[in-house]
Amino acid sequence: MSAQPTALSLLPDGRLRIDWSDQTVRVYKPRDLRDASPDALTREKKSHQAEKPASQLTILSPAEMAPITIKGMNPVGHYAYQIVFSDGHDSGIYRYEYLYELGEPYEA
């Protein structure tokens, strides 16, 4: 069985800290989590960006340039979290295994 979250907290710098049942602690930047959202719309957007020729630059809207923060996390059964971001995005379901992979080791 894979590791389960045992504690969630937001650090003063805005990163998410998750303590896991295997005694590891991992941290997550909100922008990285948002960009890695497993929802269909985000995956479709990424596939369209990959199809663009290298000479075309993507123009970002002001909303896309704004800092992203985590506004909430809702459990989905006993296997995932739905993360609510400051830009209103909340349709990604982050399975525990996926969340674990996305994190970086925490160094105090």
N, C-alpha and C. Protein backbone atom coordinates (compact mmCIF):
# COMPACT_ATOMS: atom_id res chain seq x y z
N MET A 1 0.84 -1.18 0.00
CA MET A 1 0.00 0.00 0.00
C MET A 1 0.88 1.24 0.00
N SER A 2 0.48 2.25 -0.70
CA SER A 2 1.28 3.47 -0.81
C SER A 2 1.08 4.36 0.42
N ALA A 3 1.95 5.34 0.55
CA ALA A 3 1.90 6.26 1.68
C ALA A 3 0.61 7.08 1.65
N GLN A 4 0.13 7.40 2.84
CA GLN A 4 -1.08 8.21 3.01
C GLN A 4 -0.70 9.53 3.67
N PRO A 5 -1.37 10.63 3.34
CA PRO A 5 -1.11 11.88 4.03
C PRO A 5 -1.54 11.78 5.50
N THR A 6 -0.71 12.31 6.38
CA THR A 6 -1.06 12.33 7.80
C THR A 6 -1.28 13.74 8.32
N ALA A 7 -0.74 14.75 7.62
CA ALA A 7 -0.92 16.15 8.02
C ALA A 7 -0.70 17.05 6.81
N LEU A 8 -1.51 18.10 6.73
CA LEU A 8 -1.39 19.12 5.68
C LEU A 8 -1.22 20.47 6.35
N SER A 9 -0.35 21.32 5.79
CA SER A 9 -0.22 22.68 6.29
C SER A 9 0.35 23.57 5.20
N LEU A 10 0.04 24.86 5.31
CA LEU A 10 0.63 25.84 4.40
C LEU A 10 1.79 26.51 5.12
N LEU A 11 2.93 26.56 4.48
CA LEU A 11 4.11 27.22 5.03
C LEU A 11 3.99 28.72 4.82
N PRO A 12 4.73 29.53 5.59
CA PRO A 12 4.66 30.99 5.43
C PRO A 12 4.95 31.47 4.00
N ASP A 13 5.76 30.72 3.24
CA ASP A 13 6.07 31.14 1.87
C ASP A 13 5.01 30.69 0.87
N GLY A 14 3.91 30.07 1.35
CA GLY A 14 2.81 29.68 0.47
C GLY A 14 2.87 28.26 -0.03
N ARG A 15 4.00 27.57 0.21
CA ARG A 15 4.08 26.17 -0.23
C ARG A 15 3.22 25.29 0.67
N LEU A 16 2.74 24.20 0.07
CA LEU A 16 1.98 23.20 0.80
C LEU A 16 2.94 22.17 1.37
N ARG A 17 2.76 21.84 2.62
CA ARG A 17 3.56 20.80 3.27
C ARG A 17 2.64 19.62 3.54
N ILE A 18 3.07 18.42 3.14
CA ILE A 18 2.33 17.20 3.44
C ILE A 18 3.26 16.24 4.15
N ASP A 19 2.83 15.81 5.34
CA ASP A 19 3.52 14.75 6.07
C ASP A 19 2.87 13.44 5.65
N TRP A 20 3.69 12.44 5.34
CA TRP A 20 3.20 11.17 4.82
C TRP A 20 3.41 10.05 5.83
N SER A 21 2.61 8.99 5.70
CA SER A 21 2.65 7.87 6.64
C SER A 21 3.97 7.09 6.60
N ASP A 22 4.78 7.28 5.57
CA ASP A 22 6.09 6.61 5.52
C ASP A 22 7.18 7.46 6.18
N GLN A 23 6.75 8.46 6.95
CA GLN A 23 7.62 9.36 7.71
C GLN A 23 8.34 10.39 6.86
N THR A 24 8.00 10.52 5.58
CA THR A 24 8.59 11.57 4.76
C THR A 24 7.73 12.82 4.83
N VAL A 25 8.36 13.95 4.57
CA VAL A 25 7.67 15.23 4.48
C VAL A 25 8.03 15.81 3.13
N ARG A 26 7.00 16.20 2.38
CA ARG A 26 7.23 16.74 1.04
C ARG A 26 6.54 18.09 0.94
N VAL A 27 7.10 18.98 0.10
CA VAL A 27 6.53 20.31 -0.09
C VAL A 27 6.20 20.52 -1.56
N TYR A 28 5.26 21.44 -1.78
CA TYR A 28 4.69 21.65 -3.12
C TYR A 28 4.48 23.14 -3.35
N LYS A 29 4.97 23.64 -4.47
CA LYS A 29 4.69 25.02 -4.87
C LYS A 29 3.31 25.04 -5.51
N PRO A 30 2.46 26.00 -5.13
CA PRO A 30 1.11 26.04 -5.70
C PRO A 30 1.10 26.08 -7.23
N ARG A 31 1.98 26.85 -7.84
CA ARG A 31 2.01 26.94 -9.31
C ARG A 31 2.33 25.57 -9.92
N ASP A 32 3.27 24.85 -9.32
CA ASP A 32 3.61 23.52 -9.84
C ASP A 32 2.42 22.57 -9.76
N LEU A 33 1.69 22.62 -8.64
CA LEU A 33 0.50 21.78 -8.50
C LEU A 33 -0.56 22.17 -9.52
N ARG A 34 -0.75 23.46 -9.69
CA ARG A 34 -1.77 23.94 -10.64
C ARG A 34 -1.41 23.49 -12.06
N ASP A 35 -0.15 23.65 -12.43
CA ASP A 35 0.29 23.27 -13.78
C ASP A 35 0.22 21.76 -14.00
N ALA A 36 0.31 20.99 -12.93
CA ALA A 36 0.27 19.53 -13.04
C ALA A 36 -1.13 18.97 -12.80
N SER A 37 -2.13 19.83 -12.82
CA SER A 37 -3.50 19.37 -12.55
C SER A 37 -3.87 18.22 -13.48
N PRO A 38 -4.43 17.14 -12.91
CA PRO A 38 -4.78 15.99 -13.73
C PRO A 38 -6.14 16.09 -14.42
N ASP A 39 -6.76 17.26 -14.44
CA ASP A 39 -8.07 17.37 -15.07
C ASP A 39 -7.95 17.41 -16.60
N ALA A 40 -9.04 17.12 -17.27
CA ALA A 40 -9.04 17.00 -18.74
C ALA A 40 -8.69 18.32 -19.42
N LEU A 41 -9.19 19.44 -18.93
CA LEU A 41 -8.94 20.73 -19.57
C LEU A 41 -7.46 21.08 -19.55
N THR A 42 -6.80 20.87 -18.43
CA THR A 42 -5.37 21.16 -18.34
C THR A 42 -4.57 20.25 -19.27
N ARG A 43 -4.92 18.97 -19.31
CA ARG A 43 -4.22 18.04 -20.21
C ARG A 43 -4.41 18.46 -21.67
N GLU A 44 -5.63 18.89 -22.02
CA GLU A 44 -5.90 19.32 -23.40
C GLU A 44 -5.09 20.56 -23.74
N LYS A 45 -5.03 21.51 -22.80
CA LYS A 45 -4.27 22.74 -23.03
C LYS A 45 -2.79 22.43 -23.26
N LYS A 46 -2.25 21.50 -22.47
CA LYS A 46 -0.84 21.12 -22.63
C LYS A 46 -0.59 20.47 -23.98
N SER A 47 -1.52 19.64 -24.44
CA SER A 47 -1.32 18.97 -25.72
C SER A 47 -1.37 19.97 -26.87
N HIS A 48 -2.23 21.00 -26.76
CA HIS A 48 -2.27 22.03 -27.81
C HIS A 48 -0.99 22.87 -27.80
N GLN A 49 -0.44 23.13 -26.63
CA GLN A 49 0.80 23.89 -26.56
C GLN A 49 1.95 23.10 -27.19
N ALA A 50 1.94 21.80 -27.02
CA ALA A 50 2.99 20.96 -27.59
C ALA A 50 2.92 20.94 -29.11
N GLU A 51 1.74 21.18 -29.68
CA GLU A 51 1.57 21.16 -31.13
C GLU A 51 2.03 22.45 -31.80
N LYS A 52 2.18 23.53 -31.03
CA LYS A 52 2.57 24.82 -31.61
C LYS A 52 4.01 24.76 -32.10
N PRO A 53 4.27 25.40 -33.24
CA PRO A 53 5.66 25.49 -33.69
C PRO A 53 6.51 26.25 -32.67
N ALA A 54 7.77 25.92 -32.61
CA ALA A 54 8.67 26.53 -31.63
C ALA A 54 8.77 28.04 -31.80
N SER A 55 8.50 28.55 -32.99
CA SER A 55 8.63 29.98 -33.23
C SER A 55 7.46 30.77 -32.67
N GLN A 56 6.36 30.11 -32.32
CA GLN A 56 5.22 30.83 -31.77
C GLN A 56 5.34 30.91 -30.26
N LEU A 57 5.26 32.13 -29.75
CA LEU A 57 5.31 32.33 -28.32
C LEU A 57 3.89 32.39 -27.77
N THR A 58 3.70 31.79 -26.62
CA THR A 58 2.41 31.85 -25.96
C THR A 58 2.29 33.17 -25.24
N ILE A 59 1.18 33.85 -25.44
CA ILE A 59 0.93 35.11 -24.75
C ILE A 59 0.09 34.80 -23.53
N LEU A 60 0.58 35.20 -22.37
CA LEU A 60 -0.11 34.92 -21.13
C LEU A 60 -1.05 36.07 -20.77
N SER A 61 -2.20 35.72 -20.27
CA SER A 61 -3.14 36.73 -19.79
C SER A 61 -2.68 37.19 -18.41
N PRO A 62 -3.17 38.34 -17.94
CA PRO A 62 -2.81 38.78 -16.59
C PRO A 62 -3.15 37.72 -15.53
N ALA A 63 -4.25 37.01 -15.71
CA ALA A 63 -4.64 35.98 -14.74
C ALA A 63 -3.61 34.85 -14.72
N GLU A 64 -3.05 34.50 -15.87
CA GLU A 64 -2.06 33.43 -15.94
C GLU A 64 -0.72 33.85 -15.33
N MET A 65 -0.48 35.15 -15.25
CA MET A 65 0.77 35.66 -14.69
C MET A 65 0.67 35.89 -13.19
N ALA A 66 -0.54 35.98 -12.67
CA ALA A 66 -0.74 36.25 -11.24
C ALA A 66 -0.25 35.07 -10.40
N PRO A 67 0.25 35.37 -9.22
CA PRO A 67 0.68 34.28 -8.35
C PRO A 67 -0.51 33.37 -8.00
N ILE A 68 -0.26 32.09 -7.94
CA ILE A 68 -1.29 31.11 -7.59
C ILE A 68 -1.11 30.72 -6.13
N THR A 69 -2.21 30.68 -5.41
CA THR A 69 -2.19 30.21 -4.03
C THR A 69 -3.21 29.08 -3.87
N ILE A 70 -3.03 28.33 -2.82
CA ILE A 70 -3.98 27.26 -2.50
C ILE A 70 -5.00 27.82 -1.53
N LYS A 71 -6.28 27.74 -1.91
CA LYS A 71 -7.36 28.26 -1.08
C LYS A 71 -8.02 27.17 -0.23
N GLY A 72 -7.90 25.92 -0.66
CA GLY A 72 -8.50 24.84 0.11
C GLY A 72 -8.16 23.48 -0.48
N MET A 73 -8.37 22.46 0.34
CA MET A 73 -8.17 21.08 -0.10
C MET A 73 -9.31 20.25 0.47
N ASN A 74 -9.96 19.51 -0.40
CA ASN A 74 -11.09 18.68 0.00
C ASN A 74 -10.75 17.21 -0.24
N PRO A 75 -10.95 16.35 0.76
CA PRO A 75 -10.69 14.93 0.54
C PRO A 75 -11.68 14.34 -0.45
N VAL A 76 -11.20 13.44 -1.27
CA VAL A 76 -12.04 12.68 -2.21
C VAL A 76 -11.87 11.22 -1.80
N GLY A 77 -12.87 10.69 -1.11
CA GLY A 77 -12.75 9.33 -0.59
C GLY A 77 -11.53 9.21 0.30
N HIS A 78 -10.87 8.07 0.20
CA HIS A 78 -9.64 7.82 0.97
C HIS A 78 -8.47 7.64 0.02
N TYR A 79 -8.51 8.37 -1.11
CA TYR A 79 -7.47 8.14 -2.12
C TYR A 79 -6.97 9.41 -2.80
N ALA A 80 -7.59 10.57 -2.56
CA ALA A 80 -7.21 11.76 -3.34
C ALA A 80 -7.67 13.04 -2.63
N TYR A 81 -7.17 14.16 -3.17
CA TYR A 81 -7.62 15.49 -2.76
C TYR A 81 -8.03 16.29 -3.98
N GLN A 82 -9.04 17.11 -3.79
CA GLN A 82 -9.40 18.14 -4.76
C GLN A 82 -8.78 19.42 -4.20
N ILE A 83 -7.97 20.08 -5.00
CA ILE A 83 -7.31 21.31 -4.55
C ILE A 83 -8.01 22.50 -5.19
N VAL A 84 -8.31 23.50 -4.36
CA VAL A 84 -8.95 24.73 -4.83
C VAL A 84 -7.86 25.81 -4.89
N PHE A 85 -7.68 26.38 -6.09
CA PHE A 85 -6.64 27.39 -6.31
C PHE A 85 -7.25 28.79 -6.38
N SER A 86 -6.40 29.79 -6.19
CA SER A 86 -6.85 31.18 -6.18
C SER A 86 -7.41 31.65 -7.52
N ASP A 87 -7.08 30.95 -8.61
CA ASP A 87 -7.63 31.34 -9.91
C ASP A 87 -8.99 30.69 -10.16
N GLY A 88 -9.52 29.99 -9.16
CA GLY A 88 -10.83 29.36 -9.28
C GLY A 88 -10.78 27.91 -9.75
N HIS A 89 -9.63 27.45 -10.19
CA HIS A 89 -9.53 26.07 -10.68
C HIS A 89 -9.72 25.11 -9.51
N ASP A 90 -10.61 24.13 -9.72
CA ASP A 90 -10.85 23.16 -8.65
C ASP A 90 -11.29 21.79 -9.19
N SER A 91 -11.04 21.54 -10.47
CA SER A 91 -11.55 20.31 -11.07
C SER A 91 -10.54 19.16 -11.11
N GLY A 92 -9.32 19.39 -10.67
CA GLY A 92 -8.33 18.32 -10.67
C GLY A 92 -8.45 17.46 -9.41
N ILE A 93 -8.42 16.17 -9.59
CA ILE A 93 -8.42 15.22 -8.47
C ILE A 93 -7.01 14.63 -8.39
N TYR A 94 -6.31 14.95 -7.32
CA TYR A 94 -4.92 14.55 -7.14
C TYR A 94 -4.87 13.28 -6.28
N ARG A 95 -4.66 12.14 -6.93
CA ARG A 95 -4.53 10.88 -6.19
C ARG A 95 -3.29 10.96 -5.30
N TYR A 96 -3.32 10.28 -4.17
CA TYR A 96 -2.19 10.33 -3.24
C TYR A 96 -0.87 9.98 -3.91
N GLU A 97 -0.87 8.95 -4.73
CA GLU A 97 0.37 8.52 -5.39
C GLU A 97 0.93 9.64 -6.27
N TYR A 98 0.03 10.33 -6.98
CA TYR A 98 0.44 11.42 -7.86
C TYR A 98 0.97 12.59 -7.04
N LEU A 99 0.27 12.95 -5.97
CA LEU A 99 0.73 14.03 -5.11
C LEU A 99 2.12 13.73 -4.55
N TYR A 100 2.30 12.52 -4.11
CA TYR A 100 3.58 12.13 -3.53
C TYR A 100 4.71 12.36 -4.54
N GLU A 101 4.49 11.94 -5.78
CA GLU A 101 5.50 12.09 -6.83
C GLU A 101 5.81 13.55 -7.13
N LEU A 102 4.80 14.41 -7.05
CA LEU A 102 4.99 15.82 -7.41
C LEU A 102 5.80 16.60 -6.38
N GLY A 103 5.84 16.11 -5.15
CA GLY A 103 6.49 16.85 -4.07
C GLY A 103 8.00 16.78 -4.10
N GLU A 104 8.59 17.73 -3.39
CA GLU A 104 10.04 17.75 -3.18
C GLU A 104 10.30 17.50 -1.70
N PRO A 105 11.41 16.86 -1.36
CA PRO A 105 11.71 16.64 0.06
C PRO A 105 11.77 17.97 0.82
N TYR A 106 11.20 17.98 2.00
CA TYR A 106 11.18 19.19 2.83
C TYR A 106 12.49 19.32 3.59
N GLU A 107 13.06 20.51 3.52
CA GLU A 107 14.27 20.82 4.26
C GLU A 107 13.98 22.05 5.10
N ALA A 108 13.97 21.89 6.40
CA ALA A 108 13.64 22.99 7.32
C ALA A 108 14.72 24.04 7.34
